[in-house]
Amino acid sequence: MNNGTPNQSQSSAATALVQLLTENPSLPVIDWRIDAAGVLHGVAHNDTVDMRAVVARYAAALGGEPSELCYRHDGRELASVQLTAVWRDVTIKVTGYCLAESLGQVVSSPEHDYPASRAAIRHPSHARTRRYLAVRPFPEQRQAS
């Protein structure tokens, strides 16, 4: 991770993004932003696309293991697939959001509404709403367990 000044960190992240997309032109198109600390964030939203496939393509290019989070919001079963990797000294976070049914596995049981004692993760499109999430391994990880 780049520990230079904020401008150096952001410049390093911008350079890493250009290199990533130039060297891997077939990666899915997603939205990108660089935060003040120089962390590069890629985000994709599509209710009907299994985001595991999208994030897995970035994992193949960047390294790292994606994780899957499923949760309920406004009566809808949603999923988030996340990857955090350090690539060329830049922290890169890629997140895909979709309907849980797009993953082929709808989370419908009440045990996925966790009490306030669990760690909360904010859903970016509902910044004022706090939801408690369950981490589920990918299917191949479940089979190995």
Foldseek 3Di string as FASTA:
>chain_A
DDPDALVVLQVQLVVVVVVLCVVCVPQDDFDWDADSNNAIETEAEDAQADCVVNVVVVCVSFPFFKWKKWWDDPNFIKMKIWGWGQHPNHIYIYIYIYGVVSVVDGDDDPVQQDDPVADWDADVVCNVDTGHIDIDHDPVVVVVD
